[in-house]
Every structure is written in structure tokens, then in C-alpha cells.
């Protein structure tokens, strides 16, 4: 039993970022549920803890309330009040996060989750204050960050995806279908959730687009993380501009690699070789020319 708790402690504090995200979401849910259960048992007040949780952790749509609780732009994306809600989100987070880490690394996965959650929260507040049919309220859940990870998963938009193991579609078709469903449900009972999904999807689009241009958003996030951890300075390589956080050093030089022609059998073979290399050693092991080739193919 002690080995089990030792492993859990290690994974929760020293595991990869996906594992830590899962543990944090589950820990917040368990803390809320257990506290609510015992408080209700001994006081008979079933609504006390949900109200406190809503005040302290949920993201309010009211700008004044948000100004008084600015931390909720982060806490809401780790908070769930219902079992089915967290179960659904954690299943999608696990599988989409595993796939994203395999191709783009765990730092980009964490960055997409955080940026997607913030983007979903900001869009939620904006639309709830300009739409005459949406009433004020509050929101919790990891779905904006999860959708951002799901939307940022493919390196190649034309990558085939099998739905239910039967129907094969291009990934961009699946992504477009999910976005369309959210747009169609903007006036539904869960309008806030669908708005947050759209915010996460928008962030994913610009995150991948910026990465293609050589601008790494995860660098900025980890500067903040390092500062919060104790004011640690980013490691800087001698004679080179740009920051290194355990990944490839990136520079905004504006230079573009030569663009290969796509469509030939040689290009297809080379693309397969690059994808195998990503699976074996990760996206950051690719050379600048290989990345340029991959993104060129993705546009064809």
C-alpha cells in the first residue's frame, strides 16, 4: 500500500505535465465532493459548499465580480462539481494529451491547456456581456483547455482519423464539425460551455499557426512558471538569442526554409520518415528543414 501512495505522490509532483493536470483536476473534485458530503451530513445544509466553491473557484461572467476574483480565470479550468462532467473531460484530456505530447512535447501540451482555458474564459465573459439573451452566471470545467489540446493535436490537417473505428475522415473535417456543433449550440442551456469550447479552439488555431512561424508561446508560459517557482531565470545559451526551457532554442529571425514540392511519391515517403522520427524521438528532434517540409506538406 505504501508503494502505491509513493507512486501517486511521485506522479502528482514529478510526473509529466499531463499526469499532473489529471491529478490536479481530480484532487480539486475530490476535495470539493468530500467537503460537501461531510458538511451536509453534520449541518444539514446541502448548498453551503457549492456556494463557497462557486464564489472562490468558478469564473463569473459579471466583469465586476471577475475584477474582485481575478484568480478564477485559472481556477475554473481545474474545477468540476459533477462526476460525469469531470469523467468526460478527463477521458478526452488523457487520450488527446497523450497524442499531442507524442508529437509536440509536454510543454506545448500544458501551454495549450492553460492558454485554451484562458481564451475560453475571456470569450465567455465577453459574449455574456454583449449578448441580450445570455444571462449572467458562472462557469467551471476543463473543457476549454481540453478542446485546445484536441484542436492543436494534428501537425498535418489532412491526417486521417477513424471515427468509431469505421469511418475515415480528414482531421480538419472532424475539427470543423466540432466547431460547427458548438456554434449551433450557442443558445442552448449550456451556452457557456460551448462558448468556452470555441475560445479554446481559436487559441489552438493561433497557437499552431504561431508555432509554424517559429514563435513558441510555451516559452512565455514557462517564464511565468519559473518566476512563480522562485524567480528562477530562464537559461540562455551563449552567443544565441532566445530562451531554452529544455527544448529546442527558437529565434524570431524571419528566415524561411526552402519550400519543397509536394505530391510526389518521394515526398510521401519522406513525410512518413519524418512522422516515424517524431514518434521515436519527438517533434523537437526534427531539423528546421524537416519542420518546414512537414508544414509545407500540411498546406497542400
C-alpha atoms as a PDB file:
ATOM      1  CA  UNK A   1       0.000   0.000   0.000  1.00  0.00           C
ATOM      2  CA  UNK A   2       2.873   2.339   0.820  1.00  0.00           C
ATOM      3  CA  UNK A   3       4.314   1.702  -2.651  1.00  0.00           C
ATOM      4  CA  UNK A   4       1.021   2.807  -4.172  1.00  0.00           C
ATOM      5  CA  UNK A   5       0.968   6.104  -2.272  1.00  0.00           C
ATOM      6  CA  UNK A   6       4.641   6.669  -3.041  1.00  0.00           C
ATOM      7  CA  UNK A   7       3.921   6.211  -6.748  1.00  0.00           C
ATOM      8  CA  UNK A   8       0.905   8.525  -6.568  1.00  0.00           C
ATOM      9  CA  UNK A   9       2.972  11.177  -4.776  1.00  0.00           C
ATOM     10  CA  UNK A  10       5.729  10.882  -7.365  1.00  0.00           C
ATOM     11  CA  UNK A  11       3.319  11.109 -10.313  1.00  0.00           C
ATOM     12  CA  UNK A  12       1.422  14.036  -8.786  1.00  0.00           C
ATOM     13  CA  UNK A  13       4.530  16.150  -8.191  1.00  0.00           C
ATOM     14  CA  UNK A  14       7.168  14.825 -10.588  1.00  0.00           C
ATOM     15  CA  UNK A  15       5.242  13.102 -13.378  1.00  0.00           C
ATOM     16  CA  UNK A  16       4.782  14.525 -16.854  1.00  0.00           C
ATOM     17  CA  UNK A  17       2.534  17.562 -17.217  1.00  0.00           C
ATOM     18  CA  UNK A  18      -0.415  15.538 -18.486  1.00  0.00           C
ATOM     19  CA  UNK A  19      -0.338  13.316 -15.400  1.00  0.00           C
ATOM     20  CA  UNK A  20      -0.117  16.363 -13.152  1.00  0.00           C
ATOM     21  CA  UNK A  21      -3.064  18.008 -14.905  1.00  0.00           C
ATOM     22  CA  UNK A  22      -5.154  14.890 -14.378  1.00  0.00           C
ATOM     23  CA  UNK A  23      -4.175  14.638 -10.703  1.00  0.00           C
ATOM     24  CA  UNK A  24      -4.878  18.318 -10.058  1.00  0.00           C
ATOM     25  CA  UNK A  25      -8.346  18.189 -11.621  1.00  0.00           C
ATOM     26  CA  UNK A  26      -9.206  15.006  -9.716  1.00  0.00           C
ATOM     27  CA  UNK A  27      -7.807  16.363  -6.440  1.00  0.00           C
ATOM     28  CA  UNK A  28      -9.918  19.528  -6.657  1.00  0.00           C
ATOM     29  CA  UNK A  29     -13.030  17.483  -7.448  1.00  0.00           C
ATOM     30  CA  UNK A  30     -12.432  15.064  -4.544  1.00  0.00           C
ATOM     31  CA  UNK A  31     -11.713  17.898  -2.111  1.00  0.00           C
ATOM     32  CA  UNK A  32     -14.941  19.633  -3.114  1.00  0.00           C
ATOM     33  CA  UNK A  33     -17.054  16.454  -3.053  1.00  0.00           C
ATOM     34  CA  UNK A  34     -15.752  15.167   0.308  1.00  0.00           C
ATOM     35  CA  UNK A  35     -16.032  18.561   1.976  1.00  0.00           C
ATOM     36  CA  UNK A  36     -19.579  18.948   0.658  1.00  0.00           C
ATOM     37  CA  UNK A  37     -20.536  15.459   1.848  1.00  0.00           C
ATOM     38  CA  UNK A  38     -19.280  15.932   5.428  1.00  0.00           C
ATOM     39  CA  UNK A  39     -20.585  19.495   5.707  1.00  0.00           C
ATOM     40  CA  UNK A  40     -24.026  18.422   4.517  1.00  0.00           C
ATOM     41  CA  UNK A  41     -24.017  15.416   6.880  1.00  0.00           C
ATOM     42  CA  UNK A  42     -23.322  17.416  10.022  1.00  0.00           C
ATOM     43  CA  UNK A  43     -25.060  20.708   9.224  1.00  0.00           C
ATOM     44  CA  UNK A  44     -27.958  19.659   7.008  1.00  0.00           C
ATOM     45  CA  UNK A  45     -27.029  22.484   4.636  1.00  0.00           C
ATOM     46  CA  UNK A  46     -26.603  20.930   1.193  1.00  0.00           C
ATOM     47  CA  UNK A  47     -25.896  24.197  -0.594  1.00  0.00           C
ATOM     48  CA  UNK A  48     -23.172  25.738   1.582  1.00  0.00           C
ATOM     49  CA  UNK A  49     -20.059  24.241  -0.037  1.00  0.00           C
ATOM     50  CA  UNK A  50     -21.359  24.580  -3.639  1.00  0.00           C
ATOM     51  CA  UNK A  51     -21.960  28.285  -2.970  1.00  0.00           C
ATOM     52  CA  UNK A  52     -18.490  28.721  -1.475  1.00  0.00           C
ATOM     53  CA  UNK A  53     -16.934  26.765  -4.335  1.00  0.00           C
ATOM     54  CA  UNK A  54     -18.823  28.841  -6.866  1.00  0.00           C
ATOM     55  CA  UNK A  55     -17.649  32.063  -5.217  1.00  0.00           C
ATOM     56  CA  UNK A  56     -13.995  31.057  -4.876  1.00  0.00           C
ATOM     57  CA  UNK A  57     -13.281  28.830  -7.888  1.00  0.00           C
ATOM     58  CA  UNK A  58     -15.867  29.402 -10.645  1.00  0.00           C
ATOM     59  CA  UNK A  59     -15.362  32.052 -13.331  1.00  0.00           C
ATOM     60  CA  UNK A  60     -18.108  34.703 -13.102  1.00  0.00           C
ATOM     61  CA  UNK A  61     -19.492  36.294 -16.265  1.00  0.00           C
ATOM     62  CA  UNK A  62     -20.031  39.569 -14.426  1.00  0.00           C
ATOM     63  CA  UNK A  63     -16.960  41.800 -15.066  1.00  0.00           C
ATOM     64  CA  UNK A  64     -17.191  43.427 -11.621  1.00  0.00           C
ATOM     65  CA  UNK A  65     -17.241  40.076  -9.853  1.00  0.00           C
ATOM     66  CA  UNK A  66     -14.339  38.914 -12.020  1.00  0.00           C
ATOM     67  CA  UNK A  67     -12.361  42.047 -11.119  1.00  0.00           C
ATOM     68  CA  UNK A  68     -12.765  41.055  -7.459  1.00  0.00           C
ATOM     69  CA  UNK A  69     -11.814  37.415  -8.182  1.00  0.00           C
ATOM     70  CA  UNK A  70      -9.190  37.542 -10.969  1.00  0.00           C
ATOM     71  CA  UNK A  71      -7.702  34.189  -9.933  1.00  0.00           C
ATOM     72  CA  UNK A  72     -10.848  32.438 -11.189  1.00  0.00           C
ATOM     73  CA  UNK A  73      -9.587  32.725 -14.806  1.00  0.00           C
ATOM     74  CA  UNK A  74      -7.194  29.929 -13.766  1.00  0.00           C
ATOM     75  CA  UNK A  75      -9.059  28.062 -11.024  1.00  0.00           C
ATOM     76  CA  UNK A  76     -12.203  27.464 -13.082  1.00  0.00           C
ATOM     77  CA  UNK A  77     -10.325  25.261 -15.567  1.00  0.00           C
ATOM     78  CA  UNK A  78      -9.357  22.822 -12.796  1.00  0.00           C
ATOM     79  CA  UNK A  79     -12.753  22.715 -11.102  1.00  0.00           C
ATOM     80  CA  UNK A  80     -15.680  20.314 -11.599  1.00  0.00           C
ATOM     81  CA  UNK A  81     -18.776  19.978  -9.445  1.00  0.00           C
ATOM     82  CA  UNK A  82     -20.247  16.876 -11.124  1.00  0.00           C
ATOM     83  CA  UNK A  83     -18.864  13.350 -11.606  1.00  0.00           C
ATOM     84  CA  UNK A  84     -19.971  12.952 -15.240  1.00  0.00           C
ATOM     85  CA  UNK A  85     -18.531  16.363 -16.053  1.00  0.00           C
ATOM     86  CA  UNK A  86     -15.047  15.531 -14.791  1.00  0.00           C
ATOM     87  CA  UNK A  87     -15.150  11.967 -16.123  1.00  0.00           C
ATOM     88  CA  UNK A  88     -15.885  13.086 -19.684  1.00  0.00           C
ATOM     89  CA  UNK A  89     -13.296  15.868 -19.616  1.00  0.00           C
ATOM     90  CA  UNK A  90     -10.534  13.704 -18.108  1.00  0.00           C
ATOM     91  CA  UNK A  91     -11.048  10.894 -20.634  1.00  0.00           C
ATOM     92  CA  UNK A  92     -10.684  13.303 -23.563  1.00  0.00           C
ATOM     93  CA  UNK A  93      -7.782  15.093 -21.853  1.00  0.00           C
ATOM     94  CA  UNK A  94      -5.908  11.835 -21.333  1.00  0.00           C
ATOM     95  CA  UNK A  95      -6.158  10.497 -24.869  1.00  0.00           C
ATOM     96  CA  UNK A  96      -5.781  13.800 -26.726  1.00  0.00           C
ATOM     97  CA  UNK A  97      -2.991  14.887 -24.377  1.00  0.00           C
ATOM     98  CA  UNK A  98      -1.078  11.638 -24.927  1.00  0.00           C
ATOM     99  CA  UNK A  99      -1.267  12.107 -28.683  1.00  0.00           C
ATOM    100  CA  UNK A 100      -0.221  15.757 -28.527  1.00  0.00           C
ATOM    101  CA  UNK A 101       2.741  15.045 -26.246  1.00  0.00           C
ATOM    102  CA  UNK A 102       3.943  12.338 -28.619  1.00  0.00           C
ATOM    103  CA  UNK A 103       4.226  14.821 -31.481  1.00  0.00           C
ATOM    104  CA  UNK A 104       4.746  18.222 -29.887  1.00  0.00           C
ATOM    105  CA  UNK A 105       6.025  17.559 -26.367  1.00  0.00           C
ATOM    106  CA  UNK A 106       4.540  18.018 -22.909  1.00  0.00           C
ATOM    107  CA  UNK A 107       5.374  21.710 -22.576  1.00  0.00           C
ATOM    108  CA  UNK A 108       3.298  22.627 -25.609  1.00  0.00           C
ATOM    109  CA  UNK A 109       0.519  20.388 -24.307  1.00  0.00           C
ATOM    110  CA  UNK A 110       0.463  22.224 -20.968  1.00  0.00           C
ATOM    111  CA  UNK A 111       0.661  25.593 -22.727  1.00  0.00           C
ATOM    112  CA  UNK A 112      -2.328  24.745 -24.929  1.00  0.00           C
ATOM    113  CA  UNK A 113      -4.341  23.704 -21.868  1.00  0.00           C
ATOM    114  CA  UNK A 114      -3.596  26.930 -19.971  1.00  0.00           C
ATOM    115  CA  UNK A 115      -3.897  29.299 -22.935  1.00  0.00           C
ATOM    116  CA  UNK A 116      -7.022  27.496 -24.166  1.00  0.00           C
ATOM    117  CA  UNK A 117      -8.622  27.770 -20.736  1.00  0.00           C
ATOM    118  CA  UNK A 118      -7.824  31.480 -20.534  1.00  0.00           C
ATOM    119  CA  UNK A 119      -9.058  32.069 -24.079  1.00  0.00           C
ATOM    120  CA  UNK A 120     -12.302  30.216 -23.382  1.00  0.00           C
ATOM    121  CA  UNK A 121     -12.831  32.168 -20.178  1.00  0.00           C
ATOM    122  CA  UNK A 122     -12.230  35.546 -21.827  1.00  0.00           C
ATOM    123  CA  UNK A 123     -14.621  34.764 -24.691  1.00  0.00           C
ATOM    124  CA  UNK A 124     -17.210  33.581 -22.152  1.00  0.00           C
ATOM    125  CA  UNK A 125     -17.093  36.876 -20.261  1.00  0.00           C
ATOM    126  CA  UNK A 126     -17.178  38.962 -23.453  1.00  0.00           C
ATOM    127  CA  UNK A 127     -20.148  37.212 -25.080  1.00  0.00           C
ATOM    128  CA  UNK A 128     -22.159  37.047 -21.872  1.00  0.00           C
ATOM    129  CA  UNK A 129     -21.882  40.815 -21.583  1.00  0.00           C
ATOM    130  CA  UNK A 130     -22.719  41.753 -25.165  1.00  0.00           C
ATOM    131  CA  UNK A 131     -25.487  39.250 -25.887  1.00  0.00           C
ATOM    132  CA  UNK A 132     -29.020  40.242 -24.819  1.00  0.00           C
ATOM    133  CA  UNK A 133     -30.165  36.624 -24.490  1.00  0.00           C
ATOM    134  CA  UNK A 134     -27.407  35.281 -22.226  1.00  0.00           C
ATOM    135  CA  UNK A 135     -27.969  35.786 -18.514  1.00  0.00           C
ATOM    136  CA  UNK A 136     -25.143  36.232 -16.036  1.00  0.00           C
ATOM    137  CA  UNK A 137     -23.759  33.224 -14.221  1.00  0.00           C
ATOM    138  CA  UNK A 138     -20.521  31.365 -13.603  1.00  0.00           C
ATOM    139  CA  UNK A 139     -18.575  28.573 -15.259  1.00  0.00           C
ATOM    140  CA  UNK A 140     -16.305  25.689 -14.245  1.00  0.00           C
ATOM    141  CA  UNK A 141     -14.654  22.874 -16.160  1.00  0.00           C
ATOM    142  CA  UNK A 142     -11.559  21.896 -18.107  1.00  0.00           C
ATOM    143  CA  UNK A 143     -13.301  21.680 -21.472  1.00  0.00           C
ATOM    144  CA  UNK A 144     -11.831  24.886 -22.976  1.00  0.00           C
ATOM    145  CA  UNK A 145      -8.290  23.648 -22.297  1.00  0.00           C
ATOM    146  CA  UNK A 146      -9.198  20.125 -23.414  1.00  0.00           C
ATOM    147  CA  UNK A 147     -10.640  21.402 -26.705  1.00  0.00           C
ATOM    148  CA  UNK A 148      -7.486  23.470 -27.242  1.00  0.00           C
ATOM    149  CA  UNK A 149      -5.376  20.314 -26.860  1.00  0.00           C
ATOM    150  CA  UNK A 150      -7.720  18.402 -29.140  1.00  0.00           C
ATOM    151  CA  UNK A 151      -7.607  21.226 -31.698  1.00  0.00           C
ATOM    152  CA  UNK A 152      -3.836  21.514 -31.529  1.00  0.00           C
ATOM    153  CA  UNK A 153      -3.213  17.790 -31.842  1.00  0.00           C
ATOM    154  CA  UNK A 154      -2.610  17.363 -35.562  1.00  0.00           C
ATOM    155  CA  UNK A 155       0.603  18.509 -37.176  1.00  0.00           C
ATOM    156  CA  UNK A 156      -0.970  17.748 -40.531  1.00  0.00           C
ATOM    157  CA  UNK A 157      -4.627  18.827 -41.008  1.00  0.00           C
ATOM    158  CA  UNK A 158      -5.102  16.121 -43.647  1.00  0.00           C
ATOM    159  CA  UNK A 159      -4.138  13.369 -41.207  1.00  0.00           C
ATOM    160  CA  UNK A 160      -6.796  10.606 -41.412  1.00  0.00           C
ATOM    161  CA  UNK A 161      -8.914   9.880 -38.340  1.00  0.00           C
ATOM    162  CA  UNK A 162     -11.177   6.860 -37.856  1.00  0.00           C
ATOM    163  CA  UNK A 163     -14.495   7.577 -36.161  1.00  0.00           C
ATOM    164  CA  UNK A 164     -15.653   4.634 -34.052  1.00  0.00           C
ATOM    165  CA  UNK A 165     -13.043   2.598 -35.894  1.00  0.00           C
ATOM    166  CA  UNK A 166     -15.184   2.601 -39.066  1.00  0.00           C
ATOM    167  CA  UNK A 167     -15.424   5.946 -40.855  1.00  0.00           C
ATOM    168  CA  UNK A 168     -12.219   7.583 -42.018  1.00  0.00           C
ATOM    169  CA  UNK A 169     -12.203  11.374 -42.340  1.00  0.00           C
ATOM    170  CA  UNK A 170      -9.561  14.068 -42.532  1.00  0.00           C
ATOM    171  CA  UNK A 171      -8.733  15.648 -39.192  1.00  0.00           C
ATOM    172  CA  UNK A 172      -9.706  19.118 -40.383  1.00  0.00           C
ATOM    173  CA  UNK A 173     -13.186  17.778 -41.150  1.00  0.00           C
ATOM    174  CA  UNK A 174     -13.535  16.436 -37.606  1.00  0.00           C
ATOM    175  CA  UNK A 175     -12.298  19.713 -36.115  1.00  0.00           C
ATOM    176  CA  UNK A 176     -14.636  21.746 -38.324  1.00  0.00           C
ATOM    177  CA  UNK A 177     -17.561  19.522 -37.324  1.00  0.00           C
ATOM    178  CA  UNK A 178     -16.862  20.023 -33.605  1.00  0.00           C
ATOM    179  CA  UNK A 179     -16.642  23.795 -34.036  1.00  0.00           C
ATOM    180  CA  UNK A 180     -19.911  23.787 -36.004  1.00  0.00           C
ATOM    181  CA  UNK A 181     -21.657  21.867 -33.229  1.00  0.00           C
ATOM    182  CA  UNK A 182     -20.519  24.444 -30.689  1.00  0.00           C
ATOM    183  CA  UNK A 183     -21.733  27.312 -32.888  1.00  0.00           C
ATOM    184  CA  UNK A 184     -25.131  25.648 -33.301  1.00  0.00           C
ATOM    185  CA  UNK A 185     -25.452  25.270 -29.520  1.00  0.00           C
ATOM    186  CA  UNK A 186     -24.505  28.817 -28.524  1.00  0.00           C
ATOM    187  CA  UNK A 187     -28.061  29.468 -27.333  1.00  0.00           C
ATOM    188  CA  UNK A 188     -28.530  26.109 -25.608  1.00  0.00           C
ATOM    189  CA  UNK A 189     -28.777  25.514 -21.864  1.00  0.00           C
ATOM    190  CA  UNK A 190     -25.001  25.025 -21.711  1.00  0.00           C
ATOM    191  CA  UNK A 191     -24.183  28.095 -23.801  1.00  0.00           C
ATOM    192  CA  UNK A 192     -21.228  28.999 -21.565  1.00  0.00           C
ATOM    193  CA  UNK A 193     -19.578  25.648 -22.142  1.00  0.00           C
ATOM    194  CA  UNK A 194     -19.914  25.889 -25.930  1.00  0.00           C
ATOM    195  CA  UNK A 195     -18.548  29.441 -25.891  1.00  0.00           C
ATOM    196  CA  UNK A 196     -15.552  28.216 -23.889  1.00  0.00           C
ATOM    197  CA  UNK A 197     -15.011  25.430 -26.431  1.00  0.00           C
ATOM    198  CA  UNK A 198     -14.887  27.987 -29.231  1.00  0.00           C
ATOM    199  CA  UNK A 199     -12.403  30.065 -27.261  1.00  0.00           C
ATOM    200  CA  UNK A 200     -10.165  27.027 -26.790  1.00  0.00           C
ATOM    201  CA  UNK A 201     -10.395  26.139 -30.482  1.00  0.00           C
ATOM    202  CA  UNK A 202      -9.477  29.686 -31.516  1.00  0.00           C
ATOM    203  CA  UNK A 203      -6.437  29.612 -29.233  1.00  0.00           C
ATOM    204  CA  UNK A 204      -5.350  26.265 -30.700  1.00  0.00           C
ATOM    205  CA  UNK A 205      -5.579  27.645 -34.228  1.00  0.00           C
ATOM    206  CA  UNK A 206      -3.350  30.632 -33.488  1.00  0.00           C
ATOM    207  CA  UNK A 207      -1.018  28.560 -31.274  1.00  0.00           C
ATOM    208  CA  UNK A 208      -0.235  26.141 -34.121  1.00  0.00           C
ATOM    209  CA  UNK A 209      -0.079  28.962 -36.663  1.00  0.00           C
ATOM    210  CA  UNK A 210       2.401  30.843 -34.480  1.00  0.00           C
ATOM    211  CA  UNK A 211       4.459  27.702 -33.958  1.00  0.00           C
ATOM    212  CA  UNK A 212       4.711  27.247 -37.725  1.00  0.00           C
ATOM    213  CA  UNK A 213       6.167  30.764 -37.909  1.00  0.00           C
ATOM    214  CA  UNK A 214       8.780  29.853 -35.292  1.00  0.00           C
ATOM    215  CA  UNK A 215       7.155  31.687 -32.359  1.00  0.00           C
ATOM    216  CA  UNK A 216       6.791  29.450 -29.316  1.00  0.00           C
ATOM    217  CA  UNK A 217       4.058  30.580 -26.909  1.00  0.00           C
ATOM    218  CA  UNK A 218       5.111  27.963 -24.367  1.00  0.00           C
ATOM    219  CA  UNK A 219       8.285  29.985 -23.750  1.00  0.00           C
ATOM    220  CA  UNK A 220       6.253  32.834 -22.248  1.00  0.00           C
ATOM    221  CA  UNK A 221       4.223  30.492 -20.049  1.00  0.00           C
ATOM    222  CA  UNK A 222       7.316  28.834 -18.626  1.00  0.00           C
ATOM    223  CA  UNK A 223       8.908  32.191 -17.926  1.00  0.00           C
ATOM    224  CA  UNK A 224       5.925  32.858 -15.659  1.00  0.00           C
ATOM    225  CA  UNK A 225       6.100  29.353 -14.154  1.00  0.00           C
ATOM    226  CA  UNK A 226       9.808  29.744 -13.404  1.00  0.00           C
ATOM    227  CA  UNK A 227       9.157  33.143 -11.832  1.00  0.00           C
ATOM    228  CA  UNK A 228       6.405  31.711  -9.626  1.00  0.00           C
ATOM    229  CA  UNK A 229       8.611  28.772  -8.640  1.00  0.00           C
ATOM    230  CA  UNK A 230      11.085  31.146  -7.097  1.00  0.00           C
ATOM    231  CA  UNK A 231      12.271  33.746  -9.542  1.00  0.00           C
ATOM    232  CA  UNK A 232      14.443  31.323 -11.497  1.00  0.00           C
ATOM    233  CA  UNK A 233      15.983  32.973 -14.527  1.00  0.00           C
ATOM    234  CA  UNK A 234      15.470  31.314 -17.947  1.00  0.00           C
ATOM    235  CA  UNK A 235      18.577  29.519 -19.162  1.00  0.00           C
ATOM    236  CA  UNK A 236      20.185  31.360 -22.043  1.00  0.00           C
ATOM    237  CA  UNK A 237      22.600  29.819 -24.476  1.00  0.00           C
ATOM    238  CA  UNK A 238      25.808  31.664 -25.101  1.00  0.00           C
ATOM    239  CA  UNK A 239      26.009  33.574 -28.363  1.00  0.00           C
ATOM    240  CA  UNK A 240      22.372  32.839 -29.257  1.00  0.00           C
ATOM    241  CA  UNK A 241      19.204  34.788 -28.792  1.00  0.00           C
ATOM    242  CA  UNK A 242      16.096  33.132 -27.469  1.00  0.00           C
ATOM    243  CA  UNK A 243      15.346  31.091 -24.390  1.00  0.00           C
ATOM    244  CA  UNK A 244      15.836  27.410 -23.770  1.00  0.00           C
ATOM    245  CA  UNK A 245      13.475  25.545 -21.472  1.00  0.00           C
ATOM    246  CA  UNK A 246      14.682  22.031 -22.116  1.00  0.00           C
ATOM    247  CA  UNK A 247      13.523  22.201 -25.725  1.00  0.00           C
ATOM    248  CA  UNK A 248      14.978  23.461 -28.974  1.00  0.00           C
ATOM    249  CA  UNK A 249      16.166  27.082 -28.980  1.00  0.00           C
ATOM    250  CA  UNK A 250      13.901  29.269 -31.130  1.00  0.00           C
ATOM    251  CA  UNK A 251      14.731  32.603 -32.757  1.00  0.00           C
ATOM    252  CA  UNK A 252      12.451  35.054 -34.485  1.00  0.00           C
ATOM    253  CA  UNK A 253      14.808  35.589 -37.379  1.00  0.00           C
ATOM    254  CA  UNK A 254      12.074  35.802 -40.003  1.00  0.00           C
ATOM    255  CA  UNK A 255      14.054  33.466 -42.275  1.00  0.00           C
ATOM    256  CA  UNK A 256      12.117  30.797 -44.116  1.00  0.00           C
ATOM    257  CA  UNK A 257      13.395  27.441 -45.194  1.00  0.00           C
ATOM    258  CA  UNK A 258      13.128  26.486 -48.813  1.00  0.00           C
ATOM    259  CA  UNK A 259       9.719  25.023 -49.622  1.00  0.00           C
ATOM    260  CA  UNK A 260       9.673  21.517 -51.074  1.00  0.00           C
ATOM    261  CA  UNK A 261       7.318  20.419 -53.748  1.00  0.00           C
ATOM    262  CA  UNK A 262       4.583  18.165 -52.508  1.00  0.00           C
ATOM    263  CA  UNK A 263       2.623  15.482 -54.230  1.00  0.00           C
ATOM    264  CA  UNK A 264       5.353  13.110 -55.434  1.00  0.00           C
ATOM    265  CA  UNK A 265       5.998   9.588 -54.175  1.00  0.00           C
ATOM    266  CA  UNK A 266       9.330  10.785 -52.774  1.00  0.00           C
ATOM    267  CA  UNK A 267       7.561  13.455 -50.730  1.00  0.00           C
ATOM    268  CA  UNK A 268       5.133  10.903 -49.336  1.00  0.00           C
ATOM    269  CA  UNK A 269       7.970   8.579 -48.356  1.00  0.00           C
ATOM    270  CA  UNK A 270       9.864  11.408 -46.731  1.00  0.00           C
ATOM    271  CA  UNK A 271       6.799  12.562 -44.824  1.00  0.00           C
ATOM    272  CA  UNK A 272       6.371   9.030 -43.442  1.00  0.00           C
ATOM    273  CA  UNK A 273      10.014   9.004 -42.381  1.00  0.00           C
ATOM    274  CA  UNK A 274       9.578  12.292 -40.539  1.00  0.00           C
ATOM    275  CA  UNK A 275       6.426  11.073 -38.763  1.00  0.00           C
ATOM    276  CA  UNK A 276       8.277   7.931 -37.670  1.00  0.00           C
ATOM    277  CA  UNK A 277      11.084  10.115 -36.360  1.00  0.00           C
ATOM    278  CA  UNK A 278       8.565  12.160 -34.378  1.00  0.00           C
ATOM    279  CA  UNK A 279       7.102   9.008 -32.845  1.00  0.00           C
ATOM    280  CA  UNK A 280      10.556   7.744 -31.913  1.00  0.00           C
ATOM    281  CA  UNK A 281      12.264  10.888 -30.603  1.00  0.00           C
ATOM    282  CA  UNK A 282       9.644  13.671 -30.517  1.00  0.00           C
ATOM    283  CA  UNK A 283       8.887  16.758 -32.563  1.00  0.00           C
ATOM    284  CA  UNK A 284      11.823  18.742 -31.187  1.00  0.00           C
ATOM    285  CA  UNK A 285      14.286  16.256 -32.692  1.00  0.00           C
ATOM    286  CA  UNK A 286      13.379  17.469 -36.187  1.00  0.00           C
ATOM    287  CA  UNK A 287      15.687  19.812 -38.008  1.00  0.00           C
ATOM    288  CA  UNK A 288      14.479  23.216 -39.164  1.00  0.00           C
ATOM    289  CA  UNK A 289      14.321  21.937 -42.740  1.00  0.00           C
ATOM    290  CA  UNK A 290      12.287  18.869 -41.711  1.00  0.00           C
ATOM    291  CA  UNK A 291       9.778  21.060 -39.850  1.00  0.00           C
ATOM    292  CA  UNK A 292       9.475  23.344 -42.861  1.00  0.00           C
ATOM    293  CA  UNK A 293       8.871  20.328 -45.115  1.00  0.00           C
ATOM    294  CA  UNK A 294       6.202  18.947 -42.767  1.00  0.00           C
ATOM    295  CA  UNK A 295       4.266  22.195 -42.580  1.00  0.00           C
ATOM    296  CA  UNK A 296       4.567  22.716 -46.322  1.00  0.00           C
ATOM    297  CA  UNK A 297       3.017  19.298 -46.916  1.00  0.00           C
ATOM    298  CA  UNK A 298       0.230  20.104 -44.453  1.00  0.00           C
ATOM    299  CA  UNK A 299      -0.896  23.023 -46.614  1.00  0.00           C
ATOM    300  CA  UNK A 300      -1.152  21.008 -49.816  1.00  0.00           C
END
